């Protein structure tokens, strides 16, 4: 029987258990569940893994609780520079966008880059022009702004530091999804607003294929979350796939080696969600927690924050 699977994340690193109020936990849980339902609806009806991860991430981008789309962090100038990528495990095609302003759903733009086929990555004003040509929704900066992000930015501006998306400096709010469709194809997508008060048009791993996002039907689909510089330096998403390919290791073992050993040894904090062609899910993180949810054919949606 054909089966599907889907996993999503809303960022690694979290408030401590005693700091999460029941109201906050319920709101996060509802945001995660809504994203899983959006992706699951595609997969249940025989849709593609690419479409499923796109719709799941769009749901997360539209939720102000996460650092992507609405609710993204502000850069040094008080604006929003967004990043996203998506990859098809069947064809190896990918699309990515970086330093994008005013595009409501960056992951939808990344998919348009993938479908166009002439490019893999677009950035800045050119990416926004491409979004306009493709008829994607363009919004004013005010759409993305929330009171909490304004407060974070003002605090960061006082110190002059670039900070991870945080409450108590423990939270990374990048979002992502991985999916296996009923045709046996994998896909992954990731989206983020980056660092609070980021300067010099800094980019993280979320828009970089192989670092923050990767999908290959022969191995796995991966979406990463954490301090982007470490994921870039260690090409985390591809490293996990390579260990499966060249070392014949399982998804779980490969993810554990990279996230819990290699990244830790090099000072990197964060996590990954992964999925292989058999529908095995890996949810591995070396931070206090990782906002995550998942579902398989015939199963109930599961959500979690801590181990």
Foldseek 3Di string as FASTA:
>chain_A
DFKKKKKKFQWAFDDDPVPQDPVNVVLLVVLQVVLQVQLVVQQVVQHDQQNSFLRSVLSNLLRLVFQFQAVNAAAQVRFFWKKKKKAKQVPRFIFIETRDGQQRRRHVLRVVRRVVPPDRYDYDPVSVVSCVVVPGGGHDRVRRDDPVNVVVLVVCNVVVDWAAPDDVRTIHRKMKMWMQHSVLIIMIMIMGRATHHHPPRDDFCRRPEQQAWYHHQVFKTKGWHWGRVLSVVVSLRNQLRVCCVVVVDHSQVSQCCVAVPVCVVVVTFTWMWMAHSVGDIHTDGDGQFIWMWMDMVPGDIDTDTGD
